[in-house]
N, C-alpha and C. Protein backbone atom coordinates (compact mmCIF):
# COMPACT_ATOMS: atom_id res chain seq x y z
N MET A 1 101.27 98.39 119.57
CA MET A 1 101.65 99.53 118.77
C MET A 1 100.48 99.96 117.88
N ALA A 2 100.42 101.24 117.59
CA ALA A 2 99.34 101.78 116.76
C ALA A 2 99.71 101.71 115.28
N ASP A 3 98.70 101.84 114.45
CA ASP A 3 98.90 102.03 113.01
C ASP A 3 98.40 103.43 112.66
N PHE A 4 99.32 104.28 112.23
CA PHE A 4 98.98 105.64 111.84
C PHE A 4 98.64 105.69 110.35
N VAL A 5 97.47 106.22 110.03
CA VAL A 5 97.10 106.48 108.64
C VAL A 5 97.06 107.99 108.48
N LEU A 6 97.95 108.51 107.66
CA LEU A 6 98.19 109.95 107.54
C LEU A 6 97.64 110.48 106.22
N VAL A 7 96.76 111.47 106.31
CA VAL A 7 96.13 112.02 105.11
C VAL A 7 96.32 113.54 105.10
N ALA A 8 97.05 114.03 104.11
CA ALA A 8 97.34 115.46 104.02
C ALA A 8 96.16 116.20 103.39
N GLY A 9 96.25 117.52 103.45
CA GLY A 9 95.15 118.36 102.98
C GLY A 9 95.07 118.50 101.48
N ALA A 10 94.23 119.42 101.03
CA ALA A 10 93.97 119.63 99.61
C ALA A 10 95.27 119.83 98.82
N ARG A 11 95.30 119.21 97.65
CA ARG A 11 96.38 119.34 96.66
C ARG A 11 97.63 118.54 97.01
N LEU A 12 97.66 117.93 98.19
CA LEU A 12 98.87 117.22 98.63
C LEU A 12 98.69 115.71 98.56
N GLY A 13 99.81 114.99 98.60
CA GLY A 13 99.79 113.53 98.59
C GLY A 13 100.53 112.96 99.78
N ALA A 14 100.76 111.65 99.75
CA ALA A 14 101.45 110.97 100.85
C ALA A 14 102.83 111.57 101.10
N TRP A 15 103.45 112.10 100.08
CA TRP A 15 104.79 112.68 100.19
C TRP A 15 104.87 113.79 101.24
N ALA A 16 103.75 114.44 101.51
CA ALA A 16 103.75 115.57 102.44
C ALA A 16 104.16 115.16 103.86
N TRP A 17 104.10 113.87 104.17
CA TRP A 17 104.41 113.38 105.51
C TRP A 17 105.85 112.86 105.65
N ASP A 18 106.67 113.06 104.62
CA ASP A 18 108.00 112.44 104.60
C ASP A 18 108.87 112.81 105.81
N ALA A 19 108.71 114.02 106.33
CA ALA A 19 109.53 114.43 107.48
C ALA A 19 108.95 113.98 108.81
N VAL A 20 107.71 113.48 108.80
CA VAL A 20 107.03 113.04 110.03
C VAL A 20 107.15 111.53 110.23
N THR A 21 107.04 110.78 109.15
CA THR A 21 106.97 109.32 109.26
C THR A 21 108.16 108.67 109.96
N PRO A 22 109.41 109.16 109.78
CA PRO A 22 110.53 108.49 110.48
C PRO A 22 110.39 108.53 112.00
N HIS A 23 109.87 109.61 112.54
CA HIS A 23 109.70 109.74 113.99
C HIS A 23 108.70 108.70 114.51
N LEU A 24 107.64 108.46 113.76
CA LEU A 24 106.63 107.48 114.17
C LEU A 24 107.15 106.06 114.02
N SER A 25 107.88 105.81 112.93
CA SER A 25 108.43 104.46 112.69
C SER A 25 109.45 104.09 113.75
N ARG A 26 110.31 105.04 114.12
CA ARG A 26 111.33 104.76 115.13
C ARG A 26 110.73 104.41 116.48
N ALA A 27 109.51 104.88 116.72
CA ALA A 27 108.82 104.56 117.98
C ALA A 27 108.14 103.19 117.92
N GLY A 28 108.26 102.51 116.77
CA GLY A 28 107.74 101.16 116.64
C GLY A 28 106.34 101.03 116.07
N HIS A 29 105.77 102.13 115.61
CA HIS A 29 104.41 102.10 115.10
C HIS A 29 104.37 101.82 113.60
N GLY A 30 103.24 101.32 113.13
CA GLY A 30 103.01 101.21 111.71
C GLY A 30 102.64 102.58 111.16
N VAL A 31 103.15 102.92 109.98
CA VAL A 31 102.91 104.24 109.41
C VAL A 31 102.46 104.08 107.96
N HIS A 32 101.30 104.67 107.64
CA HIS A 32 100.70 104.48 106.33
C HIS A 32 100.24 105.83 105.75
N PRO A 33 101.18 106.61 105.20
CA PRO A 33 100.77 107.86 104.55
C PRO A 33 99.97 107.53 103.29
N LEU A 34 98.94 108.29 103.03
CA LEU A 34 97.98 107.95 101.98
C LEU A 34 97.80 109.11 101.01
N THR A 35 97.81 108.79 99.73
CA THR A 35 97.43 109.75 98.70
C THR A 35 95.99 109.49 98.30
N LEU A 36 95.16 110.52 98.35
CA LEU A 36 93.77 110.38 97.96
C LEU A 36 93.62 110.41 96.44
N SER A 37 92.54 109.81 95.96
CA SER A 37 92.29 109.75 94.53
C SER A 37 92.26 111.14 93.90
N GLY A 38 92.87 111.24 92.71
CA GLY A 38 92.88 112.50 91.98
C GLY A 38 94.06 113.40 92.28
N LEU A 39 94.92 112.98 93.22
CA LEU A 39 96.03 113.83 93.65
C LEU A 39 97.38 113.12 93.48
N ALA A 40 98.44 113.92 93.36
CA ALA A 40 99.81 113.41 93.29
C ALA A 40 99.92 112.26 92.28
N GLU A 41 100.42 111.10 92.73
CA GLU A 41 100.58 109.97 91.81
C GLU A 41 99.26 109.36 91.36
N LYS A 42 98.16 109.78 91.98
CA LYS A 42 96.83 109.32 91.57
C LYS A 42 96.08 110.39 90.77
N GLN A 43 96.83 111.38 90.28
CA GLN A 43 96.23 112.44 89.49
C GLN A 43 95.54 111.85 88.27
N GLY A 44 94.34 112.33 87.96
CA GLY A 44 93.59 111.82 86.82
C GLY A 44 92.54 110.80 87.21
N VAL A 45 92.62 110.26 88.43
CA VAL A 45 91.59 109.33 88.91
C VAL A 45 90.36 110.13 89.33
N PRO A 46 89.18 109.84 88.79
CA PRO A 46 87.97 110.60 89.17
C PRO A 46 87.71 110.47 90.67
N ALA A 47 87.27 111.55 91.29
CA ALA A 47 87.06 111.51 92.75
C ALA A 47 85.97 112.46 93.18
N GLY A 48 85.11 111.96 94.07
CA GLY A 48 84.15 112.77 94.79
C GLY A 48 84.42 112.61 96.27
N GLN A 49 83.61 113.23 97.11
CA GLN A 49 83.83 113.18 98.55
C GLN A 49 83.85 111.75 99.07
N GLN A 50 82.90 110.92 98.64
CA GLN A 50 82.84 109.55 99.14
C GLN A 50 83.97 108.68 98.58
N THR A 51 84.53 109.06 97.44
CA THR A 51 85.73 108.37 96.93
C THR A 51 86.86 108.51 97.94
N HIS A 52 87.04 109.71 98.46
CA HIS A 52 88.12 109.95 99.41
C HIS A 52 87.88 109.21 100.73
N VAL A 53 86.64 109.16 101.15
CA VAL A 53 86.33 108.38 102.36
C VAL A 53 86.68 106.92 102.13
N GLN A 54 86.28 106.39 100.97
CA GLN A 54 86.54 104.98 100.68
C GLN A 54 88.03 104.70 100.52
N ASP A 55 88.79 105.66 99.99
CA ASP A 55 90.25 105.50 99.91
C ASP A 55 90.83 105.16 101.28
N ILE A 56 90.36 105.87 102.29
CA ILE A 56 90.89 105.69 103.64
C ILE A 56 90.42 104.37 104.24
N VAL A 57 89.14 104.07 104.09
CA VAL A 57 88.60 102.81 104.60
C VAL A 57 89.31 101.63 103.94
N ASP A 58 89.57 101.74 102.64
CA ASP A 58 90.21 100.63 101.91
C ASP A 58 91.61 100.34 102.44
N VAL A 59 92.35 101.37 102.79
CA VAL A 59 93.70 101.16 103.34
C VAL A 59 93.62 100.44 104.68
N VAL A 60 92.71 100.90 105.53
CA VAL A 60 92.57 100.30 106.86
C VAL A 60 92.13 98.84 106.77
N GLU A 61 91.11 98.58 105.97
CA GLU A 61 90.58 97.22 105.88
C GLU A 61 91.46 96.34 104.99
N GLY A 62 91.99 96.90 103.93
CA GLY A 62 92.83 96.12 103.02
C GLY A 62 94.11 95.64 103.66
N LYS A 63 94.67 96.45 104.56
CA LYS A 63 95.90 96.07 105.27
C LYS A 63 95.59 95.45 106.63
N ASP A 64 94.30 95.28 106.92
CA ASP A 64 93.85 94.70 108.19
C ASP A 64 94.51 95.40 109.38
N LEU A 65 94.44 96.74 109.37
CA LEU A 65 95.06 97.53 110.43
C LEU A 65 94.19 97.54 111.68
N ARG A 66 94.84 97.55 112.83
CA ARG A 66 94.16 97.61 114.13
C ARG A 66 94.77 98.74 114.96
N ASP A 67 94.05 99.17 116.01
CA ASP A 67 94.53 100.28 116.83
C ASP A 67 94.95 101.44 115.93
N VAL A 68 94.04 101.83 115.05
CA VAL A 68 94.32 102.83 114.02
C VAL A 68 94.16 104.25 114.56
N VAL A 69 95.16 105.05 114.31
CA VAL A 69 95.09 106.49 114.56
C VAL A 69 94.97 107.15 113.19
N LEU A 70 93.79 107.66 112.89
CA LEU A 70 93.55 108.35 111.62
C LEU A 70 93.90 109.81 111.78
N VAL A 71 94.75 110.31 110.89
CA VAL A 71 95.22 111.69 110.99
C VAL A 71 94.81 112.44 109.73
N GLY A 72 94.03 113.51 109.90
CA GLY A 72 93.59 114.31 108.77
C GLY A 72 94.02 115.75 108.92
N HIS A 73 94.67 116.28 107.89
CA HIS A 73 95.14 117.66 107.90
C HIS A 73 94.26 118.51 106.97
N SER A 74 93.87 119.69 107.44
CA SER A 74 93.16 120.67 106.63
C SER A 74 91.89 120.07 106.02
N TYR A 75 91.74 120.13 104.69
CA TYR A 75 90.55 119.57 104.03
C TYR A 75 90.30 118.12 104.44
N SER A 76 91.37 117.34 104.60
CA SER A 76 91.21 115.90 104.78
C SER A 76 90.57 115.51 106.10
N GLY A 77 90.41 116.46 107.01
CA GLY A 77 89.65 116.15 108.21
C GLY A 77 88.24 115.69 107.89
N ILE A 78 87.69 116.16 106.77
CA ILE A 78 86.32 115.80 106.42
C ILE A 78 86.21 114.33 106.02
N PRO A 79 86.99 113.82 105.05
CA PRO A 79 86.92 112.38 104.78
C PRO A 79 87.45 111.51 105.91
N VAL A 80 88.46 111.99 106.62
CA VAL A 80 89.01 111.22 107.74
C VAL A 80 87.96 111.03 108.83
N GLY A 81 87.22 112.08 109.16
CA GLY A 81 86.19 111.97 110.19
C GLY A 81 85.11 110.97 109.80
N GLN A 82 84.75 110.95 108.53
CA GLN A 82 83.75 109.99 108.06
C GLN A 82 84.29 108.56 108.08
N ALA A 83 85.54 108.41 107.64
CA ALA A 83 86.15 107.08 107.64
C ALA A 83 86.29 106.54 109.06
N ALA A 84 86.59 107.43 110.01
CA ALA A 84 86.74 107.01 111.41
C ALA A 84 85.47 106.34 111.91
N GLU A 85 84.34 106.88 111.50
CA GLU A 85 83.07 106.32 111.91
C GLU A 85 82.83 104.95 111.29
N ARG A 86 83.38 104.73 110.12
CA ARG A 86 83.08 103.51 109.35
C ARG A 86 84.00 102.33 109.62
N ILE A 87 85.14 102.58 110.28
CA ILE A 87 86.05 101.46 110.51
C ILE A 87 85.81 100.77 111.85
N GLY A 88 84.83 101.25 112.59
CA GLY A 88 84.39 100.55 113.80
C GLY A 88 85.46 100.40 114.85
N ASP A 89 85.58 99.19 115.39
CA ASP A 89 86.49 98.98 116.51
C ASP A 89 87.96 98.91 116.10
N ARG A 90 88.24 99.11 114.83
CA ARG A 90 89.64 99.24 114.41
C ARG A 90 90.22 100.60 114.84
N LEU A 91 89.33 101.55 115.09
CA LEU A 91 89.76 102.91 115.41
C LEU A 91 90.23 103.04 116.85
N ALA A 92 91.41 103.65 117.03
CA ALA A 92 91.88 104.02 118.36
C ALA A 92 91.59 105.50 118.62
N ARG A 93 91.90 106.34 117.62
CA ARG A 93 91.70 107.79 117.79
C ARG A 93 91.78 108.48 116.44
N VAL A 94 91.10 109.61 116.37
CA VAL A 94 91.22 110.50 115.21
C VAL A 94 92.02 111.73 115.64
N VAL A 95 92.90 112.18 114.77
CA VAL A 95 93.64 113.42 115.03
C VAL A 95 93.36 114.38 113.88
N PHE A 96 92.77 115.51 114.20
CA PHE A 96 92.50 116.55 113.22
C PHE A 96 93.61 117.60 113.33
N VAL A 97 94.40 117.73 112.26
CA VAL A 97 95.53 118.66 112.27
C VAL A 97 95.12 119.96 111.60
N ASP A 98 94.77 120.96 112.43
CA ASP A 98 94.35 122.27 111.93
C ASP A 98 93.38 122.10 110.76
N SER A 99 92.37 121.28 110.99
CA SER A 99 91.56 120.79 109.87
C SER A 99 90.09 121.17 109.96
N ALA A 100 89.43 120.95 108.84
CA ALA A 100 87.97 120.98 108.81
C ALA A 100 87.45 119.74 109.52
N VAL A 101 86.24 119.84 110.04
CA VAL A 101 85.61 118.74 110.76
C VAL A 101 84.27 118.43 110.08
N PRO A 102 83.97 117.17 109.81
CA PRO A 102 82.75 116.87 109.06
C PRO A 102 81.47 116.99 109.88
N GLY A 103 80.42 117.42 109.19
CA GLY A 103 79.07 117.41 109.75
C GLY A 103 78.16 116.79 108.72
N ASP A 104 77.21 116.00 109.14
CA ASP A 104 76.34 115.32 108.19
C ASP A 104 75.64 116.32 107.27
N GLY A 105 75.75 116.08 105.97
CA GLY A 105 75.11 116.95 104.99
C GLY A 105 75.88 118.21 104.64
N GLU A 106 77.03 118.42 105.27
CA GLU A 106 77.82 119.63 105.01
C GLU A 106 79.00 119.33 104.10
N ALA A 107 79.25 120.22 103.17
CA ALA A 107 80.41 120.12 102.29
C ALA A 107 81.53 121.01 102.81
N PHE A 108 82.73 120.80 102.32
CA PHE A 108 83.87 121.65 102.67
C PHE A 108 83.57 123.11 102.36
N THR A 109 82.94 123.36 101.22
CA THR A 109 82.64 124.74 100.82
C THR A 109 81.73 125.44 101.81
N ALA A 110 80.85 124.69 102.47
CA ALA A 110 79.90 125.29 103.42
C ALA A 110 80.60 125.85 104.65
N LEU A 111 81.83 125.42 104.90
CA LEU A 111 82.57 125.87 106.08
C LEU A 111 83.25 127.21 105.85
N MET A 112 83.22 127.70 104.63
CA MET A 112 83.89 128.95 104.30
C MET A 112 82.98 130.14 104.62
N PRO A 113 83.58 131.30 104.94
CA PRO A 113 82.79 132.47 105.35
C PRO A 113 81.72 132.88 104.35
N ASP A 114 82.00 132.72 103.06
CA ASP A 114 81.03 133.14 102.04
C ASP A 114 80.18 131.98 101.54
N GLY A 115 80.17 130.89 102.32
CA GLY A 115 79.41 129.72 101.90
C GLY A 115 80.04 128.99 100.73
N GLY A 116 81.28 129.33 100.44
CA GLY A 116 82.00 128.65 99.37
C GLY A 116 81.79 129.26 98.00
N ALA A 117 81.16 130.43 97.92
CA ALA A 117 80.86 131.05 96.63
C ALA A 117 82.14 131.32 95.82
N ALA A 118 83.14 131.87 96.47
CA ALA A 118 84.38 132.19 95.76
C ALA A 118 85.07 130.92 95.28
N LEU A 119 85.09 129.89 96.13
CA LEU A 119 85.73 128.64 95.73
C LEU A 119 84.98 127.99 94.57
N LYS A 120 83.66 127.99 94.63
CA LYS A 120 82.87 127.41 93.55
C LYS A 120 83.13 128.14 92.23
N ALA A 121 83.29 129.45 92.31
CA ALA A 121 83.60 130.23 91.11
C ALA A 121 84.97 129.83 90.56
N THR A 122 85.92 129.63 91.46
CA THR A 122 87.27 129.21 91.04
C THR A 122 87.22 127.83 90.37
N LEU A 123 86.43 126.93 90.93
CA LEU A 123 86.30 125.60 90.33
C LEU A 123 85.71 125.70 88.93
N ALA A 124 84.72 126.54 88.77
CA ALA A 124 84.07 126.70 87.47
C ALA A 124 85.05 127.25 86.43
N GLU A 125 85.96 128.10 86.88
CA GLU A 125 86.93 128.72 85.97
C GLU A 125 88.11 127.80 85.66
N ASN A 126 88.22 126.69 86.40
CA ASN A 126 89.39 125.81 86.25
C ASN A 126 88.99 124.36 85.99
N ALA A 127 87.96 124.19 85.16
CA ALA A 127 87.52 122.86 84.72
C ALA A 127 87.19 121.94 85.88
N GLY A 128 86.67 122.53 86.97
CA GLY A 128 86.25 121.71 88.10
C GLY A 128 87.35 121.37 89.08
N PHE A 129 88.49 122.03 88.99
CA PHE A 129 89.61 121.76 89.90
C PHE A 129 89.98 123.02 90.69
N TRP A 130 90.50 122.80 91.90
CA TRP A 130 91.03 123.88 92.73
C TRP A 130 92.52 123.98 92.41
N PRO A 131 92.95 125.03 91.75
CA PRO A 131 94.34 125.09 91.30
C PRO A 131 95.34 125.20 92.45
N VAL A 132 96.57 124.89 92.11
CA VAL A 132 97.66 124.97 93.09
C VAL A 132 97.86 126.42 93.51
N SER A 133 98.11 126.63 94.80
CA SER A 133 98.33 127.97 95.32
C SER A 133 99.71 128.49 94.97
N PRO A 134 99.86 129.80 94.78
CA PRO A 134 101.19 130.36 94.53
C PRO A 134 102.03 130.36 95.79
N ALA A 135 103.34 130.48 95.62
CA ALA A 135 104.26 130.47 96.76
C ALA A 135 103.93 131.54 97.79
N SER A 136 103.43 132.67 97.32
CA SER A 136 103.15 133.79 98.23
C SER A 136 102.09 133.44 99.28
N SER A 137 101.21 132.49 98.98
CA SER A 137 100.13 132.14 99.93
C SER A 137 100.64 131.37 101.14
N PHE A 138 101.88 130.92 101.09
CA PHE A 138 102.44 130.15 102.20
C PHE A 138 103.30 131.00 103.13
N GLU A 139 103.42 132.28 102.83
CA GLU A 139 104.19 133.16 103.69
C GLU A 139 103.47 133.37 105.02
N GLY A 140 104.24 133.52 106.09
CA GLY A 140 103.65 133.74 107.41
C GLY A 140 103.25 132.46 108.12
N HIS A 141 103.70 131.31 107.60
CA HIS A 141 103.33 130.03 108.20
C HIS A 141 104.54 129.29 108.79
N GLY A 142 105.62 130.00 109.01
CA GLY A 142 106.79 129.39 109.62
C GLY A 142 107.56 128.46 108.70
N LEU A 143 107.41 128.64 107.40
CA LEU A 143 108.05 127.77 106.42
C LEU A 143 109.28 128.45 105.83
N THR A 144 110.30 127.64 105.54
CA THR A 144 111.47 128.17 104.84
C THR A 144 111.15 128.28 103.35
N GLU A 145 111.98 129.01 102.63
CA GLU A 145 111.80 129.12 101.18
C GLU A 145 111.89 127.74 100.53
N GLU A 146 112.78 126.91 101.02
CA GLU A 146 112.93 125.56 100.48
C GLU A 146 111.67 124.73 100.72
N GLN A 147 111.09 124.85 101.91
CA GLN A 147 109.86 124.10 102.21
C GLN A 147 108.70 124.57 101.34
N ILE A 148 108.58 125.88 101.16
CA ILE A 148 107.52 126.42 100.31
C ILE A 148 107.69 125.92 98.87
N ALA A 149 108.92 125.94 98.39
CA ALA A 149 109.18 125.48 97.03
C ALA A 149 108.80 124.01 96.87
N ARG A 150 109.05 123.22 97.90
CA ARG A 150 108.71 121.80 97.82
C ARG A 150 107.19 121.60 97.79
N ILE A 151 106.47 122.34 98.60
CA ILE A 151 105.01 122.22 98.62
C ILE A 151 104.44 122.60 97.26
N VAL A 152 104.88 123.72 96.72
CA VAL A 152 104.36 124.19 95.43
C VAL A 152 104.70 123.21 94.32
N ALA A 153 105.92 122.70 94.33
CA ALA A 153 106.35 121.77 93.27
C ALA A 153 105.61 120.44 93.35
N GLY A 154 105.28 119.99 94.57
CA GLY A 154 104.64 118.69 94.72
C GLY A 154 103.13 118.72 94.66
N ALA A 155 102.54 119.90 94.78
CA ALA A 155 101.08 120.02 94.81
C ALA A 155 100.48 119.78 93.43
N THR A 156 99.24 119.29 93.42
CA THR A 156 98.50 119.09 92.17
C THR A 156 97.11 119.68 92.34
N PRO A 157 96.47 120.09 91.25
CA PRO A 157 95.10 120.62 91.36
C PRO A 157 94.18 119.62 92.05
N HIS A 158 93.27 120.14 92.86
CA HIS A 158 92.41 119.30 93.69
C HIS A 158 91.05 119.12 93.03
N PRO A 159 90.55 117.87 92.92
CA PRO A 159 89.25 117.63 92.30
C PRO A 159 88.11 118.30 93.06
N GLY A 160 87.38 119.16 92.36
CA GLY A 160 86.39 120.02 93.01
C GLY A 160 85.22 119.30 93.63
N ALA A 161 84.81 118.15 93.07
CA ALA A 161 83.64 117.45 93.61
C ALA A 161 83.86 117.04 95.06
N THR A 162 85.11 116.80 95.45
CA THR A 162 85.39 116.41 96.83
C THR A 162 85.13 117.56 97.80
N LEU A 163 85.13 118.78 97.27
CA LEU A 163 84.94 119.98 98.08
C LEU A 163 83.48 120.42 98.16
N THR A 164 82.71 120.06 97.15
CA THR A 164 81.33 120.54 97.07
C THR A 164 80.30 119.49 97.47
N GLU A 165 80.70 118.20 97.48
CA GLU A 165 79.76 117.14 97.87
C GLU A 165 79.69 117.01 99.39
N PRO A 166 78.52 116.69 99.93
CA PRO A 166 78.35 116.68 101.38
C PRO A 166 78.95 115.46 102.07
N ALA A 167 79.32 115.67 103.32
CA ALA A 167 79.74 114.55 104.17
C ALA A 167 78.52 113.74 104.58
N LYS A 168 78.78 112.48 104.91
CA LYS A 168 77.70 111.60 105.37
C LYS A 168 78.12 110.97 106.69
N MET A 169 77.47 111.41 107.77
CA MET A 169 77.77 110.93 109.10
C MET A 169 76.53 110.32 109.73
N ALA A 170 76.67 109.15 110.32
CA ALA A 170 75.53 108.50 110.98
C ALA A 170 75.26 109.12 112.35
N ARG A 171 76.29 109.71 112.96
CA ARG A 171 76.11 110.34 114.26
C ARG A 171 77.06 111.54 114.35
N SER A 172 77.00 112.25 115.44
CA SER A 172 77.81 113.45 115.58
C SER A 172 79.29 113.10 115.67
N VAL A 173 80.11 113.97 115.06
CA VAL A 173 81.56 113.79 115.14
C VAL A 173 82.04 113.91 116.58
N ALA A 174 81.24 114.54 117.44
CA ALA A 174 81.60 114.68 118.85
C ALA A 174 81.73 113.33 119.54
N ASP A 175 81.10 112.29 118.98
CA ASP A 175 81.15 110.97 119.59
C ASP A 175 82.47 110.24 119.34
N LEU A 176 83.27 110.74 118.40
CA LEU A 176 84.54 110.10 118.08
C LEU A 176 85.60 110.44 119.14
N PRO A 177 86.48 109.49 119.48
CA PRO A 177 87.63 109.84 120.32
C PRO A 177 88.60 110.64 119.47
N ALA A 178 88.83 111.89 119.82
CA ALA A 178 89.57 112.77 118.91
C ALA A 178 90.52 113.71 119.63
N THR A 179 91.59 114.04 118.92
CA THR A 179 92.51 115.10 119.32
C THR A 179 92.48 116.15 118.22
N TYR A 180 92.35 117.42 118.61
CA TYR A 180 92.42 118.49 117.62
C TYR A 180 93.71 119.28 117.85
N ILE A 181 94.53 119.37 116.80
CA ILE A 181 95.77 120.14 116.88
C ILE A 181 95.50 121.50 116.26
N LYS A 182 95.55 122.53 117.09
CA LYS A 182 95.28 123.89 116.63
C LYS A 182 96.59 124.62 116.40
N CYS A 183 96.82 125.02 115.16
CA CYS A 183 97.96 125.87 114.85
C CYS A 183 97.55 127.33 115.03
N PHE A 184 98.52 128.24 114.98
CA PHE A 184 98.25 129.65 115.30
C PHE A 184 97.50 129.75 116.64
N PRO A 185 98.12 129.31 117.74
CA PRO A 185 97.42 129.28 119.03
C PRO A 185 96.95 130.65 119.52
N GLU A 186 97.51 131.74 118.96
CA GLU A 186 97.08 133.07 119.38
C GLU A 186 95.70 133.42 118.84
N ASP A 187 95.24 132.72 117.82
CA ASP A 187 93.92 132.97 117.26
C ASP A 187 92.83 132.36 118.13
N GLU A 188 91.69 133.02 118.16
CA GLU A 188 90.57 132.54 118.97
C GLU A 188 90.02 131.24 118.39
N LEU A 189 89.62 130.34 119.27
CA LEU A 189 89.07 129.06 118.86
C LEU A 189 87.67 129.26 118.27
N ASP A 190 87.42 128.66 117.12
CA ASP A 190 86.11 128.72 116.50
C ASP A 190 85.04 128.20 117.46
N GLU A 191 83.87 128.84 117.45
CA GLU A 191 82.81 128.49 118.40
C GLU A 191 82.39 127.03 118.29
N GLY A 192 82.19 126.55 117.06
CA GLY A 192 81.79 125.17 116.87
C GLY A 192 82.85 124.20 117.34
N LEU A 193 84.11 124.54 117.09
CA LEU A 193 85.20 123.69 117.54
C LEU A 193 85.32 123.71 119.06
N ALA A 194 85.09 124.86 119.66
CA ALA A 194 85.13 124.95 121.12
C ALA A 194 84.09 124.04 121.76
N GLU A 195 82.94 123.93 121.13
CA GLU A 195 81.89 123.03 121.64
C GLU A 195 82.34 121.58 121.56
N LEU A 196 83.03 121.22 120.47
CA LEU A 196 83.52 119.86 120.33
C LEU A 196 84.61 119.55 121.37
N ILE A 197 85.49 120.52 121.60
CA ILE A 197 86.56 120.34 122.58
C ILE A 197 85.97 120.14 123.98
N ALA A 198 84.86 120.80 124.24
CA ALA A 198 84.22 120.69 125.55
C ALA A 198 83.63 119.30 125.78
N HIS A 199 83.43 118.57 124.70
CA HIS A 199 82.89 117.21 124.79
C HIS A 199 83.96 116.30 125.39
N GLY A 200 83.56 115.35 126.18
CA GLY A 200 84.51 114.49 126.90
C GLY A 200 85.42 113.65 126.03
N ASN A 201 85.06 113.42 124.76
CA ASN A 201 85.86 112.56 123.89
C ASN A 201 86.99 113.31 123.19
N TRP A 202 87.00 114.63 123.30
CA TRP A 202 87.94 115.43 122.52
C TRP A 202 89.02 116.07 123.40
N ARG A 203 90.22 116.19 122.81
CA ARG A 203 91.32 116.89 123.46
C ARG A 203 91.82 117.98 122.52
N LEU A 204 92.27 119.08 123.08
CA LEU A 204 92.86 120.17 122.30
C LEU A 204 94.35 120.25 122.59
N VAL A 205 95.15 120.31 121.52
CA VAL A 205 96.59 120.52 121.65
C VAL A 205 96.96 121.69 120.74
N GLU A 206 97.72 122.63 121.26
CA GLU A 206 98.13 123.78 120.46
C GLU A 206 99.58 123.60 120.00
N LEU A 207 99.82 123.97 118.75
CA LEU A 207 101.16 123.87 118.17
C LEU A 207 101.49 125.23 117.56
N ASP A 208 102.55 125.83 118.07
CA ASP A 208 102.89 127.20 117.68
C ASP A 208 103.59 127.22 116.33
N THR A 209 102.79 127.14 115.28
CA THR A 209 103.30 127.19 113.92
C THR A 209 102.14 127.49 112.99
N GLY A 210 102.41 127.50 111.69
CA GLY A 210 101.38 127.78 110.71
C GLY A 210 100.59 126.54 110.31
N HIS A 211 99.90 126.64 109.19
CA HIS A 211 98.91 125.65 108.78
C HIS A 211 99.52 124.35 108.24
N TRP A 212 100.82 124.32 108.00
CA TRP A 212 101.45 123.13 107.41
C TRP A 212 102.53 122.59 108.35
N PRO A 213 102.15 122.10 109.54
CA PRO A 213 103.15 121.69 110.53
C PRO A 213 103.96 120.47 110.13
N MET A 214 103.47 119.66 109.19
CA MET A 214 104.26 118.51 108.75
C MET A 214 105.53 118.94 108.04
N PHE A 215 105.56 120.20 107.58
CA PHE A 215 106.77 120.77 106.98
C PHE A 215 107.50 121.68 107.97
N SER A 216 106.77 122.54 108.66
CA SER A 216 107.41 123.54 109.52
C SER A 216 107.89 122.98 110.85
N LYS A 217 107.16 122.02 111.42
CA LYS A 217 107.55 121.44 112.71
C LYS A 217 107.23 119.93 112.74
N PRO A 218 107.89 119.15 111.89
CA PRO A 218 107.56 117.72 111.80
C PRO A 218 107.83 116.93 113.07
N ARG A 219 108.93 117.24 113.76
CA ARG A 219 109.25 116.50 114.98
C ARG A 219 108.22 116.78 116.07
N GLU A 220 107.86 118.05 116.23
CA GLU A 220 106.88 118.42 117.25
C GLU A 220 105.51 117.82 116.92
N LEU A 221 105.14 117.83 115.65
CA LEU A 221 103.89 117.23 115.24
C LEU A 221 103.89 115.73 115.53
N ALA A 222 104.99 115.07 115.23
CA ALA A 222 105.09 113.63 115.49
C ALA A 222 104.95 113.33 116.97
N GLU A 223 105.52 114.17 117.82
CA GLU A 223 105.42 113.95 119.26
C GLU A 223 103.96 114.03 119.72
N ILE A 224 103.20 114.96 119.15
CA ILE A 224 101.79 115.06 119.50
C ILE A 224 101.03 113.83 119.02
N LEU A 225 101.35 113.36 117.83
CA LEU A 225 100.70 112.17 117.30
C LEU A 225 101.01 110.94 118.16
N LEU A 226 102.23 110.84 118.61
CA LEU A 226 102.62 109.72 119.47
C LEU A 226 101.85 109.77 120.79
N ASP A 227 101.70 110.96 121.35
CA ASP A 227 100.93 111.11 122.59
C ASP A 227 99.47 110.72 122.36
N ALA A 228 98.95 111.04 121.19
CA ALA A 228 97.55 110.72 120.89
C ALA A 228 97.31 109.22 120.82
N ALA A 229 98.36 108.47 120.53
CA ALA A 229 98.24 107.02 120.40
C ALA A 229 98.26 106.31 121.74
N LEU A 230 98.59 107.01 122.80
CA LEU A 230 98.69 106.38 124.12
C LEU A 230 97.32 106.05 124.70
């Protein structure tokens, strides 16, 4: 059986996986949803990009997990991809859920169309944190009003250093055994991502929903994660 380590995106904590974890547990797998430093119940803990990478490595090594499937959603694909490289033969597969993908020397902000200028300005205006998004920003993602309310209520401001500090990769992320879950399948695949999918180690799976499938389609997301563990 696999050990799933689940890491949600910016502003979210382990709680974001509550509707997904039962499906994985019932299949007999170990399930370890993780809150990164500075978020949710760890709010107030100082954090940079490498703090988040170490958070993930510490869970894997501290619990002596094997056959690990690392799952990163949105922002968390960046620390998850780095941690995948560092846990060695404990890794079975990485799953990027509609997420950013790390490149050596690149920060999350560098992946944005404006080079992260707008986000950096927002961080400067909010004491170095990325504030919680309003409910209106979640419209059009297949979420119910109740689900949106839960996300907004549970979210916490995100520590900005994790977004502006660069990733550190010893080799290309293309070398990792990976599954990429693409939401909004009608949208064209990013050129860089298409190149990664073309690599023999990567698989592409499309999920017809918005950016937060752990809320909008938890059962379907769990089924994809279970397939990735095979």
